[in-house]
């Protein structure tokens, strides 16, 4: 069937006509160009003014304020806000800053206050005596406890904080290297090993919701000897174990550090000497040794406490590796240098129940 156009009566294909097409719609008029450069600059200037105002309100020295970057300024502002929220200015007694340097200098370490999620709330001013960094400089590393800890101890610290949070009032402790200043590392050959001991405490202030904070004392553990230190052989002993960490041999120098004779340790479990709070960290190192492929590959050093014969705790840096054949484990136990008499007295405790 032929279809004709109703306009010119010529044959067309389906769905076609010869009506004149409408001209293209006129293009919309171009919008006037408006630069946002001046608006962006105005916003940046406003932000800078606000940050400078916040910086001027921080309770730190003018010299420290001059060195602050914008991000560092915001980190310090957030710290002050957390502190004000947990310790309102009109509450009593006031928090850490009320402690004078005379009192802080009598402590064997520095004070640390954390929020329930591990955020830094307060670090006492004497932290510089331990880490070589001021509170302001330390906060540049991050605003949580885990940012200033060695990565190998972060998981253990999380477990201990979770345990303390589940059982308020229970004291927990973990040991880790903490970040230090470059000058400190050059002088001492590495970061500072610190023992963090504390507990969660409930806070209840009038007109404020109840909250909890972690209050801790961080005491320096005398550092590990560097691998290349001359004479470092005088500060270590070696032990051999079967795969379940039962002693099969140990060097005679163990008597000097732990007080046991070699014959007393052979056949005894290495775990029976461990401090109960260090058992998880030691077990993690034990598993890591078993997972390493190839003989002679050494697991990362773990800082642990082992029981001396006189019922005091010896701080050791323990590295472990599988021997050829994979049937035994060799541990190099590097002793920490002797600390103060206060530290030795603090190490005294009752012996744990043998396994």
C-alpha atoms as a PDB file:
ATOM      1  CA  UNK A   1       0.000   0.000   0.000  1.00  0.00           C
ATOM      2  CA  UNK A   2       1.414   3.373  -1.015  1.00  0.00           C
ATOM      3  CA  UNK A   3       1.296   6.215   1.435  1.00  0.00           C
ATOM      4  CA  UNK A   4       1.057   9.759   0.035  1.00  0.00           C
ATOM      5  CA  UNK A   5       2.046  12.913   1.758  1.00  0.00           C
ATOM      6  CA  UNK A   6      -0.956  14.984   2.755  1.00  0.00           C
ATOM      7  CA  UNK A   7       0.928  18.152   1.876  1.00  0.00           C
ATOM      8  CA  UNK A   8       2.458  17.480  -1.597  1.00  0.00           C
ATOM      9  CA  UNK A   9       0.726  14.163  -2.449  1.00  0.00           C
ATOM     10  CA  UNK A  10       4.034  12.425  -3.228  1.00  0.00           C
ATOM     11  CA  UNK A  11       4.622   8.804  -2.147  1.00  0.00           C
ATOM     12  CA  UNK A  12       6.476   8.502   1.166  1.00  0.00           C
ATOM     13  CA  UNK A  13       7.976   5.753   3.270  1.00  0.00           C
ATOM     14  CA  UNK A  14       6.290   4.948   6.506  1.00  0.00           C
ATOM     15  CA  UNK A  15       6.676   7.421   9.351  1.00  0.00           C
ATOM     16  CA  UNK A  16       8.000  10.149   7.022  1.00  0.00           C
ATOM     17  CA  UNK A  17       6.600  13.427   5.816  1.00  0.00           C
ATOM     18  CA  UNK A  18       7.896  16.319   3.781  1.00  0.00           C
ATOM     19  CA  UNK A  19       6.809  19.077   6.104  1.00  0.00           C
ATOM     20  CA  UNK A  20       9.502  21.676   6.403  1.00  0.00           C
ATOM     21  CA  UNK A  21      11.657  21.019   9.465  1.00  0.00           C
ATOM     22  CA  UNK A  22      11.747  23.531  12.122  1.00  0.00           C
ATOM     23  CA  UNK A  23      14.962  25.364  12.456  1.00  0.00           C
ATOM     24  CA  UNK A  24      17.237  24.420  15.224  1.00  0.00           C
ATOM     25  CA  UNK A  25      16.397  26.058  18.470  1.00  0.00           C
ATOM     26  CA  UNK A  26      18.547  28.967  19.188  1.00  0.00           C
ATOM     27  CA  UNK A  27      21.393  28.077  21.442  1.00  0.00           C
ATOM     28  CA  UNK A  28      20.883  29.236  24.956  1.00  0.00           C
ATOM     29  CA  UNK A  29      22.674  32.427  25.721  1.00  0.00           C
ATOM     30  CA  UNK A  30      26.039  31.760  27.410  1.00  0.00           C
ATOM     31  CA  UNK A  31      26.059  32.356  31.099  1.00  0.00           C
ATOM     32  CA  UNK A  32      28.225  35.190  32.148  1.00  0.00           C
ATOM     33  CA  UNK A  33      31.624  33.913  33.414  1.00  0.00           C
ATOM     34  CA  UNK A  34      32.088  34.465  37.099  1.00  0.00           C
ATOM     35  CA  UNK A  35      35.512  33.789  38.611  1.00  0.00           C
ATOM     36  CA  UNK A  36      35.654  31.927  41.948  1.00  0.00           C
ATOM     37  CA  UNK A  37      39.292  32.789  42.540  1.00  0.00           C
ATOM     38  CA  UNK A  38      38.504  35.736  44.770  1.00  0.00           C
ATOM     39  CA  UNK A  39      35.842  33.771  46.662  1.00  0.00           C
ATOM     40  CA  UNK A  40      38.281  30.890  47.340  1.00  0.00           C
ATOM     41  CA  UNK A  41      40.920  33.298  48.542  1.00  0.00           C
ATOM     42  CA  UNK A  42      38.407  34.929  50.864  1.00  0.00           C
ATOM     43  CA  UNK A  43      37.508  31.532  52.336  1.00  0.00           C
ATOM     44  CA  UNK A  44      41.169  30.621  52.833  1.00  0.00           C
ATOM     45  CA  UNK A  45      41.858  33.948  54.493  1.00  0.00           C
ATOM     46  CA  UNK A  46      38.910  33.424  56.822  1.00  0.00           C
ATOM     47  CA  UNK A  47      40.116  29.909  57.735  1.00  0.00           C
ATOM     48  CA  UNK A  48      43.619  31.226  58.381  1.00  0.00           C
ATOM     49  CA  UNK A  49      42.280  33.906  60.688  1.00  0.00           C
ATOM     50  CA  UNK A  50      40.235  31.338  62.630  1.00  0.00           C
ATOM     51  CA  UNK A  51      43.250  28.998  62.960  1.00  0.00           C
ATOM     52  CA  UNK A  52      45.452  31.833  64.135  1.00  0.00           C
ATOM     53  CA  UNK A  53      42.838  32.734  66.752  1.00  0.00           C
ATOM     54  CA  UNK A  54      42.680  29.102  67.947  1.00  0.00           C
ATOM     55  CA  UNK A  55      46.487  28.919  68.021  1.00  0.00           C
ATOM     56  CA  UNK A  56      46.672  32.025  70.188  1.00  0.00           C
ATOM     57  CA  UNK A  57      44.349  30.391  72.761  1.00  0.00           C
ATOM     58  CA  UNK A  58      46.451  27.226  73.180  1.00  0.00           C
ATOM     59  CA  UNK A  59      48.149  26.963  76.611  1.00  0.00           C
ATOM     60  CA  UNK A  60      51.663  26.533  75.192  1.00  0.00           C
ATOM     61  CA  UNK A  61      54.666  28.793  74.820  1.00  0.00           C
ATOM     62  CA  UNK A  62      54.889  31.419  72.084  1.00  0.00           C
ATOM     63  CA  UNK A  63      57.924  29.645  70.649  1.00  0.00           C
ATOM     64  CA  UNK A  64      55.960  26.419  70.255  1.00  0.00           C
ATOM     65  CA  UNK A  65      53.028  28.286  68.699  1.00  0.00           C
ATOM     66  CA  UNK A  66      55.288  29.699  65.990  1.00  0.00           C
ATOM     67  CA  UNK A  67      56.321  26.210  64.897  1.00  0.00           C
ATOM     68  CA  UNK A  68      52.792  24.831  64.629  1.00  0.00           C
ATOM     69  CA  UNK A  69      51.399  23.884  61.240  1.00  0.00           C
ATOM     70  CA  UNK A  70      47.672  24.169  60.596  1.00  0.00           C
ATOM     71  CA  UNK A  71      47.146  20.411  61.002  1.00  0.00           C
ATOM     72  CA  UNK A  72      49.214  20.398  64.169  1.00  0.00           C
ATOM     73  CA  UNK A  73      47.158  23.300  65.498  1.00  0.00           C
ATOM     74  CA  UNK A  74      43.927  21.407  64.883  1.00  0.00           C
ATOM     75  CA  UNK A  75      45.352  18.308  66.622  1.00  0.00           C
ATOM     76  CA  UNK A  76      46.166  20.355  69.715  1.00  0.00           C
ATOM     77  CA  UNK A  77      42.752  22.041  69.644  1.00  0.00           C
ATOM     78  CA  UNK A  78      41.054  18.619  69.516  1.00  0.00           C
ATOM     79  CA  UNK A  79      43.210  17.492  72.455  1.00  0.00           C
ATOM     80  CA  UNK A  80      42.108  20.513  74.483  1.00  0.00           C
ATOM     81  CA  UNK A  81      38.457  19.882  73.581  1.00  0.00           C
ATOM     82  CA  UNK A  82      38.688  16.236  74.689  1.00  0.00           C
ATOM     83  CA  UNK A  83      40.336  17.323  77.927  1.00  0.00           C
ATOM     84  CA  UNK A  84      37.680  19.983  78.594  1.00  0.00           C
ATOM     85  CA  UNK A  85      34.902  17.483  77.878  1.00  0.00           C
ATOM     86  CA  UNK A  86      36.287  14.812  80.206  1.00  0.00           C
ATOM     87  CA  UNK A  87      37.607  17.229  82.844  1.00  0.00           C
ATOM     88  CA  UNK A  88      35.359  20.314  82.841  1.00  0.00           C
ATOM     89  CA  UNK A  89      37.209  23.480  83.912  1.00  0.00           C
ATOM     90  CA  UNK A  90      34.840  24.039  86.845  1.00  0.00           C
ATOM     91  CA  UNK A  91      35.256  20.471  88.161  1.00  0.00           C
ATOM     92  CA  UNK A  92      37.528  19.565  91.044  1.00  0.00           C
ATOM     93  CA  UNK A  93      40.177  18.407  91.384  1.00  0.00           C
ATOM     94  CA  UNK A  94      41.787  19.809  88.235  1.00  0.00           C
ATOM     95  CA  UNK A  95      43.518  17.491  85.828  1.00  0.00           C
ATOM     96  CA  UNK A  96      47.234  17.050  85.190  1.00  0.00           C
ATOM     97  CA  UNK A  97      48.397  20.650  84.501  1.00  0.00           C
ATOM     98  CA  UNK A  98      47.833  21.423  88.191  1.00  0.00           C
ATOM     99  CA  UNK A  99      50.726  19.075  88.991  1.00  0.00           C
ATOM    100  CA  UNK A 100      53.889  21.121  89.354  1.00  0.00           C
ATOM    101  CA  UNK A 101      57.175  20.123  87.761  1.00  0.00           C
ATOM    102  CA  UNK A 102      58.572  19.571  91.262  1.00  0.00           C
ATOM    103  CA  UNK A 103      56.059  16.788  91.842  1.00  0.00           C
ATOM    104  CA  UNK A 104      56.387  15.384  88.328  1.00  0.00           C
ATOM    105  CA  UNK A 105      60.163  15.211  88.680  1.00  0.00           C
ATOM    106  CA  UNK A 106      59.716  12.784  91.582  1.00  0.00           C
ATOM    107  CA  UNK A 107      57.875  10.296  89.398  1.00  0.00           C
ATOM    108  CA  UNK A 108      59.820   7.445  87.741  1.00  0.00           C
ATOM    109  CA  UNK A 109      58.063   8.246  84.443  1.00  0.00           C
ATOM    110  CA  UNK A 110      55.398  10.439  82.879  1.00  0.00           C
ATOM    111  CA  UNK A 111      51.619  10.447  83.261  1.00  0.00           C
ATOM    112  CA  UNK A 112      49.274   9.551  80.437  1.00  0.00           C
ATOM    113  CA  UNK A 113      45.486   9.929  80.171  1.00  0.00           C
ATOM    114  CA  UNK A 114      43.525   8.330  77.321  1.00  0.00           C
ATOM    115  CA  UNK A 115      39.885   8.430  76.318  1.00  0.00           C
ATOM    116  CA  UNK A 116      37.910   5.202  76.042  1.00  0.00           C
ATOM    117  CA  UNK A 117      38.877   4.824  72.347  1.00  0.00           C
ATOM    118  CA  UNK A 118      42.602   5.409  72.894  1.00  0.00           C
ATOM    119  CA  UNK A 119      42.714   9.128  72.051  1.00  0.00           C
ATOM    120  CA  UNK A 120      45.317  11.186  73.892  1.00  0.00           C
ATOM    121  CA  UNK A 121      43.796  13.446  76.537  1.00  0.00           C
ATOM    122  CA  UNK A 122      46.786  14.431  78.660  1.00  0.00           C
ATOM    123  CA  UNK A 123      50.560  13.882  78.708  1.00  0.00           C
ATOM    124  CA  UNK A 124      52.538  15.307  81.606  1.00  0.00           C
ATOM    125  CA  UNK A 125      55.239  17.847  80.882  1.00  0.00           C
ATOM    126  CA  UNK A 126      58.079  15.611  82.086  1.00  0.00           C
ATOM    127  CA  UNK A 127      57.570  13.377  79.020  1.00  0.00           C
ATOM    128  CA  UNK A 128      60.530  15.233  77.493  1.00  0.00           C
ATOM    129  CA  UNK A 129      62.805  13.726  80.148  1.00  0.00           C
ATOM    130  CA  UNK A 130      61.869  10.223  78.996  1.00  0.00           C
ATOM    131  CA  UNK A 131      61.352  10.524  75.236  1.00  0.00           C
ATOM    132  CA  UNK A 132      63.201  13.725  74.358  1.00  0.00           C
ATOM    133  CA  UNK A 133      59.976  15.140  72.883  1.00  0.00           C
ATOM    134  CA  UNK A 134      57.629  17.671  74.423  1.00  0.00           C
ATOM    135  CA  UNK A 135      53.903  17.033  74.589  1.00  0.00           C
ATOM    136  CA  UNK A 136      53.428  19.315  71.577  1.00  0.00           C
ATOM    137  CA  UNK A 137      56.112  17.521  69.546  1.00  0.00           C
ATOM    138  CA  UNK A 138      54.775  14.104  70.527  1.00  0.00           C
ATOM    139  CA  UNK A 139      51.283  15.020  69.362  1.00  0.00           C
ATOM    140  CA  UNK A 140      52.709  15.697  65.906  1.00  0.00           C
ATOM    141  CA  UNK A 141      53.115  11.906  65.594  1.00  0.00           C
ATOM    142  CA  UNK A 142      49.344  11.400  65.928  1.00  0.00           C
ATOM    143  CA  UNK A 143      46.488  11.877  68.367  1.00  0.00           C
ATOM    144  CA  UNK A 144      46.156   8.295  69.639  1.00  0.00           C
ATOM    145  CA  UNK A 145      48.333   6.126  71.847  1.00  0.00           C
ATOM    146  CA  UNK A 146      48.894   3.716  68.964  1.00  0.00           C
ATOM    147  CA  UNK A 147      50.480   6.461  66.843  1.00  0.00           C
ATOM    148  CA  UNK A 148      53.379   6.781  69.279  1.00  0.00           C
ATOM    149  CA  UNK A 149      53.853   3.041  69.937  1.00  0.00           C
ATOM    150  CA  UNK A 150      56.000   0.645  67.983  1.00  0.00           C
ATOM    151  CA  UNK A 151      53.781  -1.151  65.464  1.00  0.00           C
ATOM    152  CA  UNK A 152      54.753  -4.583  66.830  1.00  0.00           C
ATOM    153  CA  UNK A 153      53.167  -3.766  70.208  1.00  0.00           C
ATOM    154  CA  UNK A 154      50.014  -2.057  68.952  1.00  0.00           C
ATOM    155  CA  UNK A 155      47.897  -5.205  68.870  1.00  0.00           C
ATOM    156  CA  UNK A 156      48.986  -6.224  72.365  1.00  0.00           C
ATOM    157  CA  UNK A 157      48.197  -2.707  73.629  1.00  0.00           C
ATOM    158  CA  UNK A 158      44.707  -2.864  72.083  1.00  0.00           C
ATOM    159  CA  UNK A 159      44.037  -6.207  73.787  1.00  0.00           C
ATOM    160  CA  UNK A 160      45.197  -4.923  77.162  1.00  0.00           C
ATOM    161  CA  UNK A 161      43.096  -1.741  76.889  1.00  0.00           C
ATOM    162  CA  UNK A 162      40.049  -3.781  75.893  1.00  0.00           C
ATOM    163  CA  UNK A 163      40.610  -6.104  78.849  1.00  0.00           C
ATOM    164  CA  UNK A 164      40.918  -3.144  81.216  1.00  0.00           C
ATOM    165  CA  UNK A 165      37.768  -1.584  79.770  1.00  0.00           C
ATOM    166  CA  UNK A 166      35.782  -4.767  80.252  1.00  0.00           C
ATOM    167  CA  UNK A 167      36.922  -5.011  83.878  1.00  0.00           C
ATOM    168  CA  UNK A 168      37.032  -1.444  85.277  1.00  0.00           C
ATOM    169  CA  UNK A 169      39.570  -1.093  88.047  1.00  0.00           C
ATOM    170  CA  UNK A 170      41.772  -3.902  86.784  1.00  0.00           C
ATOM    171  CA  UNK A 171      45.376  -2.818  86.300  1.00  0.00           C
ATOM    172  CA  UNK A 172      47.036  -3.831  83.048  1.00  0.00           C
ATOM    173  CA  UNK A 173      50.527  -3.329  81.691  1.00  0.00           C
ATOM    174  CA  UNK A 174      52.214  -3.586  78.315  1.00  0.00           C
ATOM    175  CA  UNK A 175      55.708  -2.790  77.103  1.00  0.00           C
ATOM    176  CA  UNK A 176      56.605  -1.085  73.849  1.00  0.00           C
ATOM    177  CA  UNK A 177      59.091   1.196  72.197  1.00  0.00           C
ATOM    178  CA  UNK A 178      57.800   4.769  71.946  1.00  0.00           C
ATOM    179  CA  UNK A 179      58.761   7.350  69.370  1.00  0.00           C
ATOM    180  CA  UNK A 180      61.585   9.638  70.433  1.00  0.00           C
ATOM    181  CA  UNK A 181      63.462  12.646  69.105  1.00  0.00           C
ATOM    182  CA  UNK A 182      66.225  12.272  66.537  1.00  0.00           C
ATOM    183  CA  UNK A 183      68.773  13.472  69.086  1.00  0.00           C
ATOM    184  CA  UNK A 184      67.636  10.760  71.515  1.00  0.00           C
ATOM    185  CA  UNK A 185      67.957   8.039  68.873  1.00  0.00           C
ATOM    186  CA  UNK A 186      71.423   9.214  67.874  1.00  0.00           C
ATOM    187  CA  UNK A 187      72.572   9.259  71.490  1.00  0.00           C
ATOM    188  CA  UNK A 188      71.018   5.979  72.603  1.00  0.00           C
ATOM    189  CA  UNK A 189      70.909   4.021  69.361  1.00  0.00           C
ATOM    190  CA  UNK A 190      67.145   3.635  69.149  1.00  0.00           C
ATOM    191  CA  UNK A 191      63.756   4.518  70.586  1.00  0.00           C
ATOM    192  CA  UNK A 192      62.894   4.303  74.274  1.00  0.00           C
ATOM    193  CA  UNK A 193      61.304   1.139  75.658  1.00  0.00           C
ATOM    194  CA  UNK A 194      58.484   2.130  78.021  1.00  0.00           C
ATOM    195  CA  UNK A 195      56.285   0.108  80.355  1.00  0.00           C
ATOM    196  CA  UNK A 196      52.713   1.463  80.424  1.00  0.00           C
ATOM    197  CA  UNK A 197      50.801   0.509  83.573  1.00  0.00           C
ATOM    198  CA  UNK A 198      47.314   1.786  84.301  1.00  0.00           C
ATOM    199  CA  UNK A 199      43.583   1.222  84.644  1.00  0.00           C
ATOM    200  CA  UNK A 200      40.263   2.689  83.538  1.00  0.00           C
ATOM    201  CA  UNK A 201      38.547   5.037  85.946  1.00  0.00           C
ATOM    202  CA  UNK A 202      34.949   6.256  85.828  1.00  0.00           C
ATOM    203  CA  UNK A 203      34.445  10.024  85.861  1.00  0.00           C
ATOM    204  CA  UNK A 204      31.295  11.573  87.216  1.00  0.00           C
ATOM    205  CA  UNK A 205      31.046  15.339  87.232  1.00  0.00           C
ATOM    206  CA  UNK A 206      27.927  17.406  88.004  1.00  0.00           C
ATOM    207  CA  UNK A 207      25.994  18.373  84.853  1.00  0.00           C
ATOM    208  CA  UNK A 208      28.200  16.075  82.740  1.00  0.00           C
ATOM    209  CA  UNK A 209      27.461  12.613  81.338  1.00  0.00           C
ATOM    210  CA  UNK A 210      29.456   9.779  82.957  1.00  0.00           C
ATOM    211  CA  UNK A 211      32.595   8.736  81.081  1.00  0.00           C
ATOM    212  CA  UNK A 212      35.741   6.660  81.563  1.00  0.00           C
ATOM    213  CA  UNK A 213      39.406   7.421  81.030  1.00  0.00           C
ATOM    214  CA  UNK A 214      42.548   5.322  81.136  1.00  0.00           C
ATOM    215  CA  UNK A 215      45.041   6.657  83.690  1.00  0.00           C
ATOM    216  CA  UNK A 216      48.573   5.321  83.319  1.00  0.00           C
ATOM    217  CA  UNK A 217      52.132   5.793  84.491  1.00  0.00           C
ATOM    218  CA  UNK A 218      54.701   5.275  81.737  1.00  0.00           C
ATOM    219  CA  UNK A 219      58.099   4.286  83.119  1.00  0.00           C
ATOM    220  CA  UNK A 220      61.196   3.867  80.956  1.00  0.00           C
ATOM    221  CA  UNK A 221      62.626   0.397  80.694  1.00  0.00           C
ATOM    222  CA  UNK A 222      66.342   0.609  80.138  1.00  0.00           C
ATOM    223  CA  UNK A 223      66.858   0.229  76.441  1.00  0.00           C
ATOM    224  CA  UNK A 224      67.953  -2.839  74.527  1.00  0.00           C
ATOM    225  CA  UNK A 225      71.533  -2.986  73.466  1.00  0.00           C
ATOM    226  CA  UNK A 226      71.992  -2.259  69.788  1.00  0.00           C
ATOM    227  CA  UNK A 227      73.014  -5.198  67.679  1.00  0.00           C
ATOM    228  CA  UNK A 228      76.334  -3.588  66.841  1.00  0.00           C
ATOM    229  CA  UNK A 229      77.302  -2.475  70.352  1.00  0.00           C
ATOM    230  CA  UNK A 230      80.793  -3.450  71.315  1.00  0.00           C
ATOM    231  CA  UNK A 231      80.877  -5.776  74.256  1.00  0.00           C
ATOM    232  CA  UNK A 232      77.241  -6.646  73.792  1.00  0.00           C
ATOM    233  CA  UNK A 233      78.083 -10.339  74.241  1.00  0.00           C
ATOM    234  CA  UNK A 234      78.431  -9.513  77.946  1.00  0.00           C
ATOM    235  CA  UNK A 235      74.708  -8.769  78.094  1.00  0.00           C
ATOM    236  CA  UNK A 236      73.157 -11.848  76.511  1.00  0.00           C
ATOM    237  CA  UNK A 237      72.726 -15.567  76.858  1.00  0.00           C
ATOM    238  CA  UNK A 238      71.393 -18.129  74.413  1.00  0.00           C
ATOM    239  CA  UNK A 239      68.977 -20.971  74.949  1.00  0.00           C
ATOM    240  CA  UNK A 240      67.795 -23.893  72.836  1.00  0.00           C
ATOM    241  CA  UNK A 241      64.326 -25.389  72.944  1.00  0.00           C
ATOM    242  CA  UNK A 242      62.227 -28.031  71.294  1.00  0.00           C
ATOM    243  CA  UNK A 243      59.211 -26.732  69.388  1.00  0.00           C
ATOM    244  CA  UNK A 244      57.037 -26.429  72.511  1.00  0.00           C
ATOM    245  CA  UNK A 245      59.729 -24.157  74.056  1.00  0.00           C
ATOM    246  CA  UNK A 246      61.018 -26.666  76.601  1.00  0.00           C
ATOM    247  CA  UNK A 247      64.667 -25.954  77.421  1.00  0.00           C
ATOM    248  CA  UNK A 248      67.155 -28.417  75.944  1.00  0.00           C
ATOM    249  CA  UNK A 249      70.266 -26.309  76.518  1.00  0.00           C
ATOM    250  CA  UNK A 250      71.291 -22.867  77.764  1.00  0.00           C
ATOM    251  CA  UNK A 251      74.606 -21.068  78.097  1.00  0.00           C
ATOM    252  CA  UNK A 252      76.230 -20.960  81.530  1.00  0.00           C
ATOM    253  CA  UNK A 253      75.922 -17.148  81.634  1.00  0.00           C
ATOM    254  CA  UNK A 254      72.221 -17.558  82.420  1.00  0.00           C
ATOM    255  CA  UNK A 255      73.263 -17.882  86.063  1.00  0.00           C
ATOM    256  CA  UNK A 256      74.449 -14.280  86.087  1.00  0.00           C
ATOM    257  CA  UNK A 257      71.185 -12.892  84.691  1.00  0.00           C
ATOM    258  CA  UNK A 258      68.471 -15.210  86.040  1.00  0.00           C
ATOM    259  CA  UNK A 259      70.189 -16.944  88.944  1.00  0.00           C
ATOM    260  CA  UNK A 260      69.444 -20.473  87.719  1.00  0.00           C
ATOM    261  CA  UNK A 261      72.080 -23.081  87.032  1.00  0.00           C
ATOM    262  CA  UNK A 262      71.987 -24.641  83.593  1.00  0.00           C
ATOM    263  CA  UNK A 263      70.814 -27.997  84.975  1.00  0.00           C
ATOM    264  CA  UNK A 264      67.819 -26.368  86.694  1.00  0.00           C
ATOM    265  CA  UNK A 265      66.396 -25.102  83.396  1.00  0.00           C
ATOM    266  CA  UNK A 266      66.908 -28.093  81.100  1.00  0.00           C
ATOM    267  CA  UNK A 267      63.576 -29.872  80.734  1.00  0.00           C
ATOM    268  CA  UNK A 268      61.627 -26.895  82.068  1.00  0.00           C
ATOM    269  CA  UNK A 269      59.139 -24.944  79.967  1.00  0.00           C
ATOM    270  CA  UNK A 270      60.207 -21.459  78.898  1.00  0.00           C
ATOM    271  CA  UNK A 271      56.606 -20.352  79.475  1.00  0.00           C
ATOM    272  CA  UNK A 272      56.910 -21.183  83.196  1.00  0.00           C
ATOM    273  CA  UNK A 273      59.345 -18.261  83.558  1.00  0.00           C
ATOM    274  CA  UNK A 274      57.226 -15.703  81.717  1.00  0.00           C
ATOM    275  CA  UNK A 275      55.326 -12.940  83.431  1.00  0.00           C
ATOM    276  CA  UNK A 276      51.591 -13.727  83.008  1.00  0.00           C
ATOM    277  CA  UNK A 277      50.951 -10.358  81.347  1.00  0.00           C
ATOM    278  CA  UNK A 278      53.582 -11.122  78.690  1.00  0.00           C
ATOM    279  CA  UNK A 279      52.229 -14.557  77.781  1.00  0.00           C
ATOM    280  CA  UNK A 280      50.191 -13.324  74.795  1.00  0.00           C
ATOM    281  CA  UNK A 281      53.126 -11.411  73.308  1.00  0.00           C
ATOM    282  CA  UNK A 282      55.442 -14.392  73.815  1.00  0.00           C
ATOM    283  CA  UNK A 283      52.916 -16.758  72.233  1.00  0.00           C
ATOM    284  CA  UNK A 284      52.610 -14.450  69.222  1.00  0.00           C
ATOM    285  CA  UNK A 285      56.377 -14.521  68.760  1.00  0.00           C
ATOM    286  CA  UNK A 286      56.343 -18.320  69.133  1.00  0.00           C
ATOM    287  CA  UNK A 287      53.730 -18.622  66.381  1.00  0.00           C
ATOM    288  CA  UNK A 288      55.674 -16.216  64.174  1.00  0.00           C
ATOM    289  CA  UNK A 289      58.768 -18.416  64.454  1.00  0.00           C
ATOM    290  CA  UNK A 290      56.745 -21.451  63.395  1.00  0.00           C
ATOM    291  CA  UNK A 291      55.322 -19.604  60.387  1.00  0.00           C
ATOM    292  CA  UNK A 292      58.683 -18.351  59.104  1.00  0.00           C
ATOM    293  CA  UNK A 293      59.960 -20.315  56.143  1.00  0.00           C
ATOM    294  CA  UNK A 294      63.579 -21.352  56.034  1.00  0.00           C
ATOM    295  CA  UNK A 295      66.044 -22.047  58.805  1.00  0.00           C
ATOM    296  CA  UNK A 296      67.893 -19.130  60.314  1.00  0.00           C
ATOM    297  CA  UNK A 297      65.138 -16.539  59.723  1.00  0.00           C
ATOM    298  CA  UNK A 298      64.765 -14.557  62.945  1.00  0.00           C
ATOM    299  CA  UNK A 299      61.465 -13.291  64.314  1.00  0.00           C
ATOM    300  CA  UNK A 300      61.186  -9.709  65.497  1.00  0.00           C
ATOM    301  CA  UNK A 301      62.474  -8.937  68.995  1.00  0.00           C
ATOM    302  CA  UNK A 302      59.929  -9.098  71.820  1.00  0.00           C
ATOM    303  CA  UNK A 303      60.485  -7.310  75.142  1.00  0.00           C
ATOM    304  CA  UNK A 304      59.477  -9.755  77.870  1.00  0.00           C
ATOM    305  CA  UNK A 305      59.874 -10.327  81.589  1.00  0.00           C
ATOM    306  CA  UNK A 306      61.350 -13.601  82.848  1.00  0.00           C
ATOM    307  CA  UNK A 307      61.334 -14.743  86.444  1.00  0.00           C
ATOM    308  CA  UNK A 308      64.649 -14.764  88.257  1.00  0.00           C
ATOM    309  CA  UNK A 309      65.408 -17.316  90.919  1.00  0.00           C
ATOM    310  CA  UNK A 310      65.130 -14.616  93.607  1.00  0.00           C
ATOM    311  CA  UNK A 311      61.522 -13.884  92.511  1.00  0.00           C
ATOM    312  CA  UNK A 312      62.284 -10.613  90.712  1.00  0.00           C
ATOM    313  CA  UNK A 313      61.601  -9.939  87.062  1.00  0.00           C
ATOM    314  CA  UNK A 314      64.355  -9.594  84.469  1.00  0.00           C
ATOM    315  CA  UNK A 315      63.611  -7.507  81.381  1.00  0.00           C
ATOM    316  CA  UNK A 316      64.864  -9.249  78.243  1.00  0.00           C
ATOM    317  CA  UNK A 317      64.745  -8.627  74.530  1.00  0.00           C
ATOM    318  CA  UNK A 318      64.156 -12.063  73.050  1.00  0.00           C
ATOM    319  CA  UNK A 319      64.749 -12.983  69.412  1.00  0.00           C
ATOM    320  CA  UNK A 320      63.992 -16.486  68.208  1.00  0.00           C
ATOM    321  CA  UNK A 321      64.694 -18.534  65.078  1.00  0.00           C
ATOM    322  CA  UNK A 322      64.196 -22.089  63.889  1.00  0.00           C
ATOM    323  CA  UNK A 323      67.299 -24.186  63.465  1.00  0.00           C
ATOM    324  CA  UNK A 324      68.040 -26.240  60.384  1.00  0.00           C
ATOM    325  CA  UNK A 325      65.653 -29.150  60.148  1.00  0.00           C
ATOM    326  CA  UNK A 326      62.896 -27.233  61.897  1.00  0.00           C
ATOM    327  CA  UNK A 327      63.009 -29.402  65.024  1.00  0.00           C
ATOM    328  CA  UNK A 328      64.375 -26.861  67.508  1.00  0.00           C
ATOM    329  CA  UNK A 329      64.320 -23.146  68.297  1.00  0.00           C
ATOM    330  CA  UNK A 330      67.238 -20.984  69.396  1.00  0.00           C
ATOM    331  CA  UNK A 331      66.575 -17.865  71.463  1.00  0.00           C
ATOM    332  CA  UNK A 332      68.998 -14.994  71.941  1.00  0.00           C
ATOM    333  CA  UNK A 333      68.105 -13.282  75.204  1.00  0.00           C
ATOM    334  CA  UNK A 334      69.521  -9.787  75.302  1.00  0.00           C
ATOM    335  CA  UNK A 335      69.386  -8.289  78.781  1.00  0.00           C
ATOM    336  CA  UNK A 336      68.352  -4.729  79.384  1.00  0.00           C
ATOM    337  CA  UNK A 337      70.867  -2.566  81.143  1.00  0.00           C
ATOM    338  CA  UNK A 338      70.406  -2.286  84.883  1.00  0.00           C
ATOM    339  CA  UNK A 339      68.018   0.447  85.950  1.00  0.00           C
ATOM    340  CA  UNK A 340      67.729   2.464  89.113  1.00  0.00           C
ATOM    341  CA  UNK A 341      67.313   0.963  92.544  1.00  0.00           C
ATOM    342  CA  UNK A 342      63.677   2.117  92.435  1.00  0.00           C
ATOM    343  CA  UNK A 343      63.164   0.141  89.260  1.00  0.00           C
ATOM    344  CA  UNK A 344      64.700  -2.954  90.801  1.00  0.00           C
ATOM    345  CA  UNK A 345      62.513  -2.647  93.876  1.00  0.00           C
ATOM    346  CA  UNK A 346      59.440  -2.214  91.645  1.00  0.00           C
ATOM    347  CA  UNK A 347      60.353  -5.431  89.839  1.00  0.00           C
ATOM    348  CA  UNK A 348      59.967  -7.520  92.974  1.00  0.00           C
ATOM    349  CA  UNK A 349      56.841  -9.648  93.074  1.00  0.00           C
ATOM    350  CA  UNK A 350      55.552 -13.065  93.950  1.00  0.00           C
ATOM    351  CA  UNK A 351      56.377 -15.913  91.653  1.00  0.00           C
ATOM    352  CA  UNK A 352      53.553 -17.080  89.369  1.00  0.00           C
ATOM    353  CA  UNK A 353      52.156 -20.540  89.758  1.00  0.00           C
ATOM    354  CA  UNK A 354      54.289 -22.901  87.579  1.00  0.00           C
ATOM    355  CA  UNK A 355      52.581 -24.345  84.535  1.00  0.00           C
END
